[in-house]
Amino acid sequence: MERKIWIDGVFIDWNDASVHILSHSHQRGSLIFGFIPIFENENGTFIFRVDKHIERLFKSCLLAGIPINYKEDELIDAVFATVKENPGSKFIKISVYIASIEIDVVPQDPYTKVAIAAYEPQKDIIEKNSNVFHKSENMSVWIEKDKHQRRQDIIDPQIKIAANYTSPMIAKWKARKNGYDEIILTDSDGYVAEAPTSNVFMVSQAGVLMTAKEDEVLHGITRMSIIEIAEDEGIEMNIGRIPLKELQEAVEVFITSSSHLICPVNSLDGKLVGSGKTGEKTLTIKNRFLNVISGKDNKFNKWLSPVKV
């Protein structure tokens, strides 16, 4: 079927959804975006924590000074309409972008457009590209020690803006060429931060679940959910700065995002994490999360918003 993309209230054919090559967002990296998973279970089709995703989108616009001409509930309605228009979709991508052709870094015409796409990555994108898509059964990670995570004194790490992903892209591309699947970035002081599009969790040798402070990393919606699940499971947790040595000696490491969900890390810098298999706490959290998205967890069932046909 031909996918439709919602652009400012009008559905456009997938192949016709375009913007000028000289647009501000294309040339200056000023596009703000959100990425939301869609889950199907025996009870129907559901969008995951859509309110939190839209709230983060608006916060990114506010922090970056990018105007947005909608209210949160208007875009939530548009998200549901887009999912209905594109059955079988697995993810939603929302883009807030300055479409005008500009000369300066400060746009002369800063009016933004909003586009919402709902699609199935394998069929709609991966199978249509010419090169083989990178995937691995075992997650091998390189700890990037030269290029650091997004810095608050440059661009706040909490802003989900295209320009914030340039440095991690360069580092991850290099790591891929060296045989790794993913990278973990450190902050400018050498403490553990996050992966390019994912948050990082680890279990220390003392059995404590650890992750970086919220104000130093992207406000991951999956990260937020994992913390709530861990608290409900009674897992001891420490949210704070993580020395690199702690990560290197961790018995369990996993990354979380809307696309990865919960993905165990098997090795760091070529060295096995623990036994190299999924750890006990990782498995506990992952199984609980899978129960949630399957509609089998009453406590967190509120995270799933049904798409009514």
C-alpha atoms as a PDB file:
ATOM      1  CA  MET A   1       0.000   0.000   0.000  1.00  0.00           C
ATOM      2  CA  GLU A   2       1.079   3.612  -0.537  1.00  0.00           C
ATOM      3  CA  ARG A   3       1.885   5.249   2.782  1.00  0.00           C
ATOM      4  CA  LYS A   4       0.483   8.679   3.547  1.00  0.00           C
ATOM      5  CA  ILE A   5       2.301  11.369   5.504  1.00  0.00           C
ATOM      6  CA  TRP A   6       0.419  14.000   7.487  1.00  0.00           C
ATOM      7  CA  ILE A   7       1.800  17.490   6.786  1.00  0.00           C
ATOM      8  CA  ASP A   8       0.032  20.371   8.480  1.00  0.00           C
ATOM      9  CA  GLY A   9      -3.337  18.655   8.411  1.00  0.00           C
ATOM     10  CA  VAL A  10      -3.175  17.201   4.899  1.00  0.00           C
ATOM     11  CA  PHE A  11      -2.240  13.628   3.946  1.00  0.00           C
ATOM     12  CA  ILE A  12       0.419  13.529   1.219  1.00  0.00           C
ATOM     13  CA  ASP A  13       1.610  10.479  -0.707  1.00  0.00           C
ATOM     14  CA  TRP A  14       4.866   9.090   0.723  1.00  0.00           C
ATOM     15  CA  ASN A  15       6.872   9.876  -2.433  1.00  0.00           C
ATOM     16  CA  ASP A  16       5.481  13.412  -2.671  1.00  0.00           C
ATOM     17  CA  ALA A  17       6.412  14.433   0.881  1.00  0.00           C
ATOM     18  CA  SER A  18       9.426  16.622   0.139  1.00  0.00           C
ATOM     19  CA  VAL A  19      11.171  19.835   1.166  1.00  0.00           C
ATOM     20  CA  HIS A  20      13.568  22.109  -0.743  1.00  0.00           C
ATOM     21  CA  ILE A  21      17.237  21.082  -0.624  1.00  0.00           C
ATOM     22  CA  LEU A  22      18.133  24.584   0.635  1.00  0.00           C
ATOM     23  CA  SER A  23      15.594  24.623   3.456  1.00  0.00           C
ATOM     24  CA  HIS A  24      16.841  25.803   6.843  1.00  0.00           C
ATOM     25  CA  SER A  25      16.238  22.472   8.573  1.00  0.00           C
ATOM     26  CA  HIS A  26      18.108  20.596   5.840  1.00  0.00           C
ATOM     27  CA  GLN A  27      21.073  22.968   5.689  1.00  0.00           C
ATOM     28  CA  ARG A  28      21.358  23.933   9.378  1.00  0.00           C
ATOM     29  CA  GLY A  29      20.189  20.810  11.207  1.00  0.00           C
ATOM     30  CA  SER A  30      17.338  22.632  12.967  1.00  0.00           C
ATOM     31  CA  LEU A  31      14.752  19.851  12.593  1.00  0.00           C
ATOM     32  CA  ILE A  32      13.136  18.720  15.858  1.00  0.00           C
ATOM     33  CA  PHE A  33      11.785  15.185  15.854  1.00  0.00           C
ATOM     34  CA  GLY A  34      10.103  12.459  17.848  1.00  0.00           C
ATOM     35  CA  PHE A  35      10.018   8.691  17.373  1.00  0.00           C
ATOM     36  CA  ILE A  36       7.178   6.648  18.865  1.00  0.00           C
ATOM     37  CA  PRO A  37       6.646   2.865  18.811  1.00  0.00           C
ATOM     38  CA  ILE A  38       3.349   1.199  17.945  1.00  0.00           C
ATOM     39  CA  PHE A  39       2.534  -2.163  19.518  1.00  0.00           C
ATOM     40  CA  GLU A  40      -0.019  -4.749  18.520  1.00  0.00           C
ATOM     41  CA  ASN A  41      -1.355  -7.381  20.904  1.00  0.00           C
ATOM     42  CA  GLU A  42      -4.478  -9.499  21.254  1.00  0.00           C
ATOM     43  CA  ASN A  43      -6.400  -6.431  22.426  1.00  0.00           C
ATOM     44  CA  GLY A  44      -5.661  -4.276  19.383  1.00  0.00           C
ATOM     45  CA  THR A  45      -3.188  -1.623  18.219  1.00  0.00           C
ATOM     46  CA  PHE A  46      -1.628   0.765  20.723  1.00  0.00           C
ATOM     47  CA  ILE A  47       0.661   3.798  20.703  1.00  0.00           C
ATOM     48  CA  PHE A  48       3.245   3.797  23.493  1.00  0.00           C
ATOM     49  CA  ARG A  49       3.159   6.722  25.934  1.00  0.00           C
ATOM     50  CA  VAL A  50       2.107   9.158  23.224  1.00  0.00           C
ATOM     51  CA  ASP A  51       1.490  11.938  25.745  1.00  0.00           C
ATOM     52  CA  LYS A  52       5.069  11.773  27.046  1.00  0.00           C
ATOM     53  CA  HIS A  53       6.512  11.681  23.524  1.00  0.00           C
ATOM     54  CA  ILE A  54       4.560  14.770  22.455  1.00  0.00           C
ATOM     55  CA  GLU A  55       5.431  16.533  25.706  1.00  0.00           C
ATOM     56  CA  ARG A  56       9.132  15.914  24.984  1.00  0.00           C
ATOM     57  CA  LEU A  57       8.715  17.166  21.403  1.00  0.00           C
ATOM     58  CA  PHE A  58       7.321  20.467  22.659  1.00  0.00           C
ATOM     59  CA  LYS A  59      10.062  20.762  25.296  1.00  0.00           C
ATOM     60  CA  SER A  60      12.710  20.255  22.590  1.00  0.00           C
ATOM     61  CA  CYS A  61      11.143  23.047  20.540  1.00  0.00           C
ATOM     62  CA  LEU A  62      11.057  25.325  23.573  1.00  0.00           C
ATOM     63  CA  LEU A  63      14.686  24.683  24.557  1.00  0.00           C
ATOM     64  CA  ALA A  64      15.894  25.130  20.968  1.00  0.00           C
ATOM     65  CA  GLY A  65      13.793  28.231  20.326  1.00  0.00           C
ATOM     66  CA  ILE A  66      12.014  26.527  17.411  1.00  0.00           C
ATOM     67  CA  PRO A  67       8.409  27.786  17.092  1.00  0.00           C
ATOM     68  CA  ILE A  68       5.600  25.253  16.836  1.00  0.00           C
ATOM     69  CA  ASN A  69       2.129  26.329  15.815  1.00  0.00           C
ATOM     70  CA  TYR A  70       0.088  23.556  17.391  1.00  0.00           C
ATOM     71  CA  LYS A  71      -1.134  22.539  20.817  1.00  0.00           C
ATOM     72  CA  GLU A  72      -0.096  19.198  22.284  1.00  0.00           C
ATOM     73  CA  ASP A  73      -3.573  17.663  22.048  1.00  0.00           C
ATOM     74  CA  GLU A  74      -3.828  18.701  18.375  1.00  0.00           C
ATOM     75  CA  LEU A  75      -0.687  16.758  17.493  1.00  0.00           C
ATOM     76  CA  ILE A  76      -1.788  13.778  19.563  1.00  0.00           C
ATOM     77  CA  ASP A  77      -4.992  13.686  17.501  1.00  0.00           C
ATOM     78  CA  ALA A  78      -2.903  13.973  14.326  1.00  0.00           C
ATOM     79  CA  VAL A  79      -0.721  11.054  15.431  1.00  0.00           C
ATOM     80  CA  PHE A  80      -3.751   8.809  15.878  1.00  0.00           C
ATOM     81  CA  ALA A  81      -5.161   9.909  12.518  1.00  0.00           C
ATOM     82  CA  THR A  82      -1.854   9.089  10.817  1.00  0.00           C
ATOM     83  CA  VAL A  83      -1.666   5.622  12.366  1.00  0.00           C
ATOM     84  CA  LYS A  84      -5.236   4.898  11.220  1.00  0.00           C
ATOM     85  CA  GLU A  85      -4.327   6.059   7.714  1.00  0.00           C
ATOM     86  CA  ASN A  86      -1.317   3.706   7.638  1.00  0.00           C
ATOM     87  CA  PRO A  87      -2.363   0.259   8.940  1.00  0.00           C
ATOM     88  CA  GLY A  88       0.408  -2.178   9.821  1.00  0.00           C
ATOM     89  CA  SER A  89       2.818   0.563  10.900  1.00  0.00           C
ATOM     90  CA  LYS A  90       5.309  -0.106  13.700  1.00  0.00           C
ATOM     91  CA  PHE A  91       6.691   3.376  14.334  1.00  0.00           C
ATOM     92  CA  ILE A  92       5.715   7.039  14.119  1.00  0.00           C
ATOM     93  CA  LYS A  93       8.189   9.782  13.171  1.00  0.00           C
ATOM     94  CA  ILE A  94       7.208  13.383  13.890  1.00  0.00           C
ATOM     95  CA  SER A  95       9.242  16.216  12.374  1.00  0.00           C
ATOM     96  CA  VAL A  96       9.020  19.919  13.170  1.00  0.00           C
ATOM     97  CA  TYR A  97      11.016  21.782  10.542  1.00  0.00           C
ATOM     98  CA  ILE A  98      11.675  25.199   9.059  1.00  0.00           C
ATOM     99  CA  ALA A  99      10.920  24.646   5.378  1.00  0.00           C
ATOM    100  CA  SER A 100      11.864  28.090   4.107  1.00  0.00           C
ATOM    101  CA  ILE A 101      15.019  28.697   2.056  1.00  0.00           C
ATOM    102  CA  GLU A 102      17.355  30.727   4.222  1.00  0.00           C
ATOM    103  CA  ILE A 103      20.715  32.506   4.009  1.00  0.00           C
ATOM    104  CA  ASP A 104      21.569  33.008   7.685  1.00  0.00           C
ATOM    105  CA  VAL A 105      21.703  30.573  10.595  1.00  0.00           C
ATOM    106  CA  VAL A 106      18.900  32.672  12.112  1.00  0.00           C
ATOM    107  CA  PRO A 107      15.947  32.147   9.756  1.00  0.00           C
ATOM    108  CA  GLN A 108      14.341  35.163   8.142  1.00  0.00           C
ATOM    109  CA  ASP A 109      11.053  33.233   7.940  1.00  0.00           C
ATOM    110  CA  PRO A 110      11.000  30.918  10.993  1.00  0.00           C
ATOM    111  CA  TYR A 111       7.561  29.438  10.349  1.00  0.00           C
ATOM    112  CA  THR A 112       7.622  25.677  10.987  1.00  0.00           C
ATOM    113  CA  LYS A 113       5.769  22.825   9.350  1.00  0.00           C
ATOM    114  CA  VAL A 114       4.938  19.555  11.080  1.00  0.00           C
ATOM    115  CA  ALA A 115       5.069  16.173   9.353  1.00  0.00           C
ATOM    116  CA  ILE A 116       3.947  12.865  10.837  1.00  0.00           C
ATOM    117  CA  ALA A 117       4.854   9.552   9.200  1.00  0.00           C
ATOM    118  CA  ALA A 118       3.746   6.081  10.309  1.00  0.00           C
ATOM    119  CA  TYR A 119       5.499   3.127   8.723  1.00  0.00           C
ATOM    120  CA  GLU A 120       6.906  -0.389   8.976  1.00  0.00           C
ATOM    121  CA  PRO A 121      10.720  -0.027   8.758  1.00  0.00           C
ATOM    122  CA  GLN A 122      11.500  -3.349   7.094  1.00  0.00           C
ATOM    123  CA  LYS A 123       9.001  -3.116   4.240  1.00  0.00           C
ATOM    124  CA  ASP A 124       8.811   0.642   3.790  1.00  0.00           C
ATOM    125  CA  ILE A 125      12.496   1.557   4.090  1.00  0.00           C
ATOM    126  CA  ILE A 126      15.052  -1.228   4.615  1.00  0.00           C
ATOM    127  CA  GLU A 127      13.942  -3.469   1.747  1.00  0.00           C
ATOM    128  CA  LYS A 128      13.907  -0.488  -0.635  1.00  0.00           C
ATOM    129  CA  ASN A 129      17.497   0.574   0.075  1.00  0.00           C
ATOM    130  CA  SER A 130      20.339  -0.913  -1.958  1.00  0.00           C
ATOM    131  CA  ASN A 131      22.862  -1.832   0.752  1.00  0.00           C
ATOM    132  CA  VAL A 132      22.409  -4.513   3.403  1.00  0.00           C
ATOM    133  CA  PHE A 133      20.983  -3.211   6.677  1.00  0.00           C
ATOM    134  CA  HIS A 134      23.331  -3.697   9.636  1.00  0.00           C
ATOM    135  CA  LYS A 135      22.035  -6.049  12.321  1.00  0.00           C
ATOM    136  CA  SER A 136      23.604  -8.467  14.759  1.00  0.00           C
ATOM    137  CA  GLU A 137      22.346 -11.135  17.142  1.00  0.00           C
ATOM    138  CA  ASN A 138      25.007 -10.172  19.701  1.00  0.00           C
ATOM    139  CA  MET A 139      25.445  -6.494  20.586  1.00  0.00           C
ATOM    140  CA  SER A 140      29.119  -5.508  20.542  1.00  0.00           C
ATOM    141  CA  VAL A 141      29.799  -1.977  21.762  1.00  0.00           C
ATOM    142  CA  TRP A 142      32.769   0.362  21.504  1.00  0.00           C
ATOM    143  CA  ILE A 143      33.186   2.919  24.291  1.00  0.00           C
ATOM    144  CA  GLU A 144      33.925   6.144  22.439  1.00  0.00           C
ATOM    145  CA  LYS A 145      36.676   8.013  24.284  1.00  0.00           C
ATOM    146  CA  ASP A 146      37.518  10.848  21.876  1.00  0.00           C
ATOM    147  CA  LYS A 147      34.185  12.301  20.750  1.00  0.00           C
ATOM    148  CA  HIS A 148      32.028  13.113  23.750  1.00  0.00           C
ATOM    149  CA  GLN A 149      28.311  13.076  24.302  1.00  0.00           C
ATOM    150  CA  ARG A 150      26.207  16.161  23.595  1.00  0.00           C
ATOM    151  CA  ARG A 151      27.196  18.990  25.951  1.00  0.00           C
ATOM    152  CA  GLN A 152      24.860  21.358  27.752  1.00  0.00           C
ATOM    153  CA  ASP A 153      27.112  24.329  26.985  1.00  0.00           C
ATOM    154  CA  ILE A 154      26.775  23.623  23.226  1.00  0.00           C
ATOM    155  CA  ILE A 155      23.396  21.957  22.628  1.00  0.00           C
ATOM    156  CA  ASP A 156      21.400  20.634  25.561  1.00  0.00           C
ATOM    157  CA  PRO A 157      21.373  16.790  25.380  1.00  0.00           C
ATOM    158  CA  GLN A 158      17.643  16.897  26.127  1.00  0.00           C
ATOM    159  CA  ILE A 159      16.899  18.579  22.794  1.00  0.00           C
ATOM    160  CA  LYS A 160      15.935  16.014  20.160  1.00  0.00           C
ATOM    161  CA  ILE A 161      17.283  18.084  17.260  1.00  0.00           C
ATOM    162  CA  ALA A 162      19.024  16.820  14.117  1.00  0.00           C
ATOM    163  CA  ALA A 163      22.248  18.771  14.760  1.00  0.00           C
ATOM    164  CA  ASN A 164      22.677  16.948  18.083  1.00  0.00           C
ATOM    165  CA  TYR A 165      23.354  13.662  16.270  1.00  0.00           C
ATOM    166  CA  THR A 166      26.249  14.697  14.021  1.00  0.00           C
ATOM    167  CA  SER A 167      29.153  13.947  16.364  1.00  0.00           C
ATOM    168  CA  PRO A 168      27.699  10.577  17.508  1.00  0.00           C
ATOM    169  CA  MET A 169      27.060   9.680  13.849  1.00  0.00           C
ATOM    170  CA  ILE A 170      30.727  10.219  12.988  1.00  0.00           C
ATOM    171  CA  ALA A 171      31.875   8.135  15.957  1.00  0.00           C
ATOM    172  CA  LYS A 172      29.393   5.311  15.374  1.00  0.00           C
ATOM    173  CA  TRP A 173      30.180   5.125  11.659  1.00  0.00           C
ATOM    174  CA  LYS A 174      33.863   4.691  12.520  1.00  0.00           C
ATOM    175  CA  ALA A 175      33.028   2.002  15.095  1.00  0.00           C
ATOM    176  CA  ARG A 176      30.909   0.126  12.536  1.00  0.00           C
ATOM    177  CA  LYS A 177      33.878   0.066  10.141  1.00  0.00           C
ATOM    178  CA  ASN A 178      35.919  -1.456  12.979  1.00  0.00           C
ATOM    179  CA  GLY A 179      33.399  -4.253  13.517  1.00  0.00           C
ATOM    180  CA  TYR A 180      31.253  -2.901  16.361  1.00  0.00           C
ATOM    181  CA  ASP A 181      27.465  -2.609  16.402  1.00  0.00           C
ATOM    182  CA  GLU A 182      27.046   0.407  18.660  1.00  0.00           C
ATOM    183  CA  ILE A 183      28.939   2.976  20.712  1.00  0.00           C
ATOM    184  CA  ILE A 184      28.563   4.367  24.218  1.00  0.00           C
ATOM    185  CA  LEU A 185      29.552   7.993  24.670  1.00  0.00           C
ATOM    186  CA  THR A 186      31.122   9.633  27.692  1.00  0.00           C
ATOM    187  CA  ASP A 187      30.626  13.208  28.828  1.00  0.00           C
ATOM    188  CA  SER A 188      33.368  15.845  28.737  1.00  0.00           C
ATOM    189  CA  ASP A 189      34.582  14.680  32.183  1.00  0.00           C
ATOM    190  CA  GLY A 190      34.821  11.052  31.097  1.00  0.00           C
ATOM    191  CA  TYR A 191      31.710   9.755  32.856  1.00  0.00           C
ATOM    192  CA  VAL A 192      29.304   7.361  31.113  1.00  0.00           C
ATOM    193  CA  ALA A 193      26.536   9.193  29.246  1.00  0.00           C
ATOM    194  CA  GLU A 194      24.492   7.406  26.560  1.00  0.00           C
ATOM    195  CA  ALA A 195      24.530   5.827  23.113  1.00  0.00           C
ATOM    196  CA  PRO A 196      23.757   7.996  20.031  1.00  0.00           C
ATOM    197  CA  THR A 197      20.023   7.179  20.029  1.00  0.00           C
ATOM    198  CA  SER A 198      19.711   5.133  23.235  1.00  0.00           C
ATOM    199  CA  ASN A 199      20.059   5.404  26.987  1.00  0.00           C
ATOM    200  CA  VAL A 200      22.460   3.145  28.862  1.00  0.00           C
ATOM    201  CA  PHE A 201      21.894   0.995  31.951  1.00  0.00           C
ATOM    202  CA  MET A 202      24.392  -1.225  33.753  1.00  0.00           C
ATOM    203  CA  VAL A 203      24.484  -3.521  36.756  1.00  0.00           C
ATOM    204  CA  SER A 204      27.508  -3.091  38.997  1.00  0.00           C
ATOM    205  CA  GLN A 205      29.468  -5.898  40.614  1.00  0.00           C
ATOM    206  CA  ALA A 206      27.507  -5.087  43.771  1.00  0.00           C
ATOM    207  CA  GLY A 207      24.257  -5.816  41.900  1.00  0.00           C
ATOM    208  CA  VAL A 208      23.065  -2.197  41.679  1.00  0.00           C
ATOM    209  CA  LEU A 209      21.261  -1.018  38.550  1.00  0.00           C
ATOM    210  CA  MET A 210      22.845   2.252  37.390  1.00  0.00           C
ATOM    211  CA  THR A 211      22.110   4.906  34.786  1.00  0.00           C
ATOM    212  CA  ALA A 212      23.200   8.501  34.165  1.00  0.00           C
ATOM    213  CA  LYS A 213      21.357  11.495  35.625  1.00  0.00           C
ATOM    214  CA  GLU A 214      18.381  12.733  33.622  1.00  0.00           C
ATOM    215  CA  ASP A 215      19.737  16.241  33.112  1.00  0.00           C
ATOM    216  CA  GLU A 216      22.892  14.861  31.439  1.00  0.00           C
ATOM    217  CA  VAL A 217      21.216  12.661  28.813  1.00  0.00           C
ATOM    218  CA  LEU A 218      18.231  12.622  26.495  1.00  0.00           C
ATOM    219  CA  HIS A 219      14.936  12.205  28.332  1.00  0.00           C
ATOM    220  CA  GLY A 220      14.268   8.754  26.898  1.00  0.00           C
ATOM    221  CA  ILE A 221      10.660   7.651  27.260  1.00  0.00           C
ATOM    222  CA  THR A 222      11.742   4.001  27.333  1.00  0.00           C
ATOM    223  CA  ARG A 223      14.389   4.953  29.922  1.00  0.00           C
ATOM    224  CA  MET A 224      11.683   6.551  32.059  1.00  0.00           C
ATOM    225  CA  SER A 225       9.599   3.387  31.755  1.00  0.00           C
ATOM    226  CA  ILE A 226      12.497   1.108  32.710  1.00  0.00           C
ATOM    227  CA  ILE A 227      13.168   3.149  35.845  1.00  0.00           C
ATOM    228  CA  GLU A 228       9.498   2.848  36.858  1.00  0.00           C
ATOM    229  CA  ILE A 229       9.551  -0.909  36.223  1.00  0.00           C
ATOM    230  CA  ALA A 230      12.791  -1.368  38.187  1.00  0.00           C
ATOM    231  CA  GLU A 231      11.333   0.558  41.132  1.00  0.00           C
ATOM    232  CA  ASP A 232       8.200  -1.591  41.053  1.00  0.00           C
ATOM    233  CA  GLU A 233      10.326  -4.760  40.914  1.00  0.00           C
ATOM    234  CA  GLY A 234      12.248  -3.611  43.993  1.00  0.00           C
ATOM    235  CA  ILE A 235      15.570  -3.505  42.159  1.00  0.00           C
ATOM    236  CA  GLU A 236      18.207  -1.402  43.913  1.00  0.00           C
ATOM    237  CA  MET A 237      19.085   1.510  41.677  1.00  0.00           C
ATOM    238  CA  ASN A 238      21.502   4.431  41.535  1.00  0.00           C
ATOM    239  CA  ILE A 239      20.849   7.335  39.161  1.00  0.00           C
ATOM    240  CA  GLY A 240      23.953   9.477  38.956  1.00  0.00           C
ATOM    241  CA  ARG A 241      27.377   9.905  37.386  1.00  0.00           C
ATOM    242  CA  ILE A 242      28.970   6.600  36.384  1.00  0.00           C
ATOM    243  CA  PRO A 243      32.780   6.401  36.209  1.00  0.00           C
ATOM    244  CA  LEU A 244      34.022   4.704  33.054  1.00  0.00           C
ATOM    245  CA  LYS A 245      35.746   2.010  35.154  1.00  0.00           C
ATOM    246  CA  GLU A 246      32.361   0.999  36.619  1.00  0.00           C
ATOM    247  CA  LEU A 247      30.993   0.393  33.128  1.00  0.00           C
ATOM    248  CA  GLN A 248      34.061  -1.565  32.078  1.00  0.00           C
ATOM    249  CA  GLU A 249      33.654  -3.828  35.118  1.00  0.00           C
ATOM    250  CA  ALA A 250      29.839  -4.152  34.911  1.00  0.00           C
ATOM    251  CA  VAL A 251      28.252  -7.602  35.093  1.00  0.00           C
ATOM    252  CA  GLU A 252      25.294  -6.511  32.944  1.00  0.00           C
ATOM    253  CA  VAL A 253      24.814  -3.713  30.413  1.00  0.00           C
ATOM    254  CA  PHE A 254      21.791  -2.906  28.267  1.00  0.00           C
ATOM    255  CA  ILE A 255      20.598  -0.025  26.122  1.00  0.00           C
ATOM    256  CA  THR A 256      17.056   1.269  25.788  1.00  0.00           C
ATOM    257  CA  SER A 257      15.192   3.239  23.133  1.00  0.00           C
ATOM    258  CA  SER A 258      11.952   3.270  21.158  1.00  0.00           C
ATOM    259  CA  SER A 259      13.591   1.098  18.486  1.00  0.00           C
ATOM    260  CA  HIS A 260      15.855  -1.119  20.613  1.00  0.00           C
ATOM    261  CA  LEU A 261      13.339  -1.369  23.482  1.00  0.00           C
ATOM    262  CA  ILE A 262      15.688  -3.278  25.837  1.00  0.00           C
ATOM    263  CA  CYS A 263      18.802  -4.619  24.137  1.00  0.00           C
ATOM    264  CA  PRO A 264      21.479  -6.497  26.144  1.00  0.00           C
ATOM    265  CA  VAL A 265      25.110  -5.621  25.421  1.00  0.00           C
ATOM    266  CA  ASN A 266      27.258  -8.735  25.051  1.00  0.00           C
ATOM    267  CA  SER A 267      30.680  -7.118  24.856  1.00  0.00           C
ATOM    268  CA  LEU A 268      32.428  -3.797  25.505  1.00  0.00           C
ATOM    269  CA  ASP A 269      35.623  -2.951  23.609  1.00  0.00           C
ATOM    270  CA  GLY A 270      35.916  -6.615  22.624  1.00  0.00           C
ATOM    271  CA  LYS A 271      35.598  -7.929  26.206  1.00  0.00           C
ATOM    272  CA  LEU A 272      32.583  -9.971  27.328  1.00  0.00           C
ATOM    273  CA  VAL A 273      30.143  -8.307  29.719  1.00  0.00           C
ATOM    274  CA  GLY A 274      29.718 -10.817  32.556  1.00  0.00           C
ATOM    275  CA  SER A 275      29.229 -14.229  30.975  1.00  0.00           C
ATOM    276  CA  GLY A 276      28.377 -12.654  27.612  1.00  0.00           C
ATOM    277  CA  LYS A 277      24.741 -13.690  28.031  1.00  0.00           C
ATOM    278  CA  THR A 278      21.691 -11.691  29.090  1.00  0.00           C
ATOM    279  CA  GLY A 279      21.919 -11.032  32.832  1.00  0.00           C
ATOM    280  CA  GLU A 280      19.309 -11.742  35.501  1.00  0.00           C
ATOM    281  CA  LYS A 281      18.230  -8.149  36.147  1.00  0.00           C
ATOM    282  CA  THR A 282      18.185  -7.329  32.439  1.00  0.00           C
ATOM    283  CA  LEU A 283      15.962 -10.333  31.818  1.00  0.00           C
ATOM    284  CA  THR A 284      13.614  -9.440  34.686  1.00  0.00           C
ATOM    285  CA  ILE A 285      13.145  -5.900  33.387  1.00  0.00           C
ATOM    286  CA  LYS A 286      12.870  -6.981  29.752  1.00  0.00           C
ATOM    287  CA  ASN A 287      10.229  -9.633  30.504  1.00  0.00           C
ATOM    288  CA  ARG A 288       8.200  -7.145  32.547  1.00  0.00           C
ATOM    289  CA  PHE A 289       8.380  -4.603  29.721  1.00  0.00           C
ATOM    290  CA  LEU A 290       7.281  -7.227  27.176  1.00  0.00           C
ATOM    291  CA  ASN A 291       4.327  -8.043  29.418  1.00  0.00           C
ATOM    292  CA  VAL A 292       3.394  -4.369  29.478  1.00  0.00           C
ATOM    293  CA  ILE A 293       3.378  -3.958  25.700  1.00  0.00           C
ATOM    294  CA  SER A 294       1.513  -7.262  25.351  1.00  0.00           C
ATOM    295  CA  GLY A 295      -1.313  -5.812  27.457  1.00  0.00           C
ATOM    296  CA  LYS A 296      -0.708  -8.262  30.314  1.00  0.00           C
ATOM    297  CA  ASP A 297       0.381  -5.838  33.025  1.00  0.00           C
ATOM    298  CA  ASN A 298      -2.442  -4.012  34.762  1.00  0.00           C
ATOM    299  CA  LYS A 299      -0.210  -1.577  36.640  1.00  0.00           C
ATOM    300  CA  PHE A 300       1.361  -0.055  33.524  1.00  0.00           C
ATOM    301  CA  ASN A 301      -1.464  -0.658  31.087  1.00  0.00           C
ATOM    302  CA  LYS A 302      -2.022   3.128  31.038  1.00  0.00           C
ATOM    303  CA  TRP A 303       1.133   3.441  28.913  1.00  0.00           C
ATOM    304  CA  LEU A 304      -0.757   1.965  25.954  1.00  0.00           C
ATOM    305  CA  SER A 305      -3.186   4.258  24.135  1.00  0.00           C
ATOM    306  CA  PRO A 306      -5.543   2.310  21.847  1.00  0.00           C
ATOM    307  CA  VAL A 307      -5.969   3.186  18.189  1.00  0.00           C
ATOM    308  CA  LYS A 308      -9.736   3.027  17.654  1.00  0.00           C
ATOM    309  CA  VAL A 309     -10.799   1.915  14.196  1.00  0.00           C
END
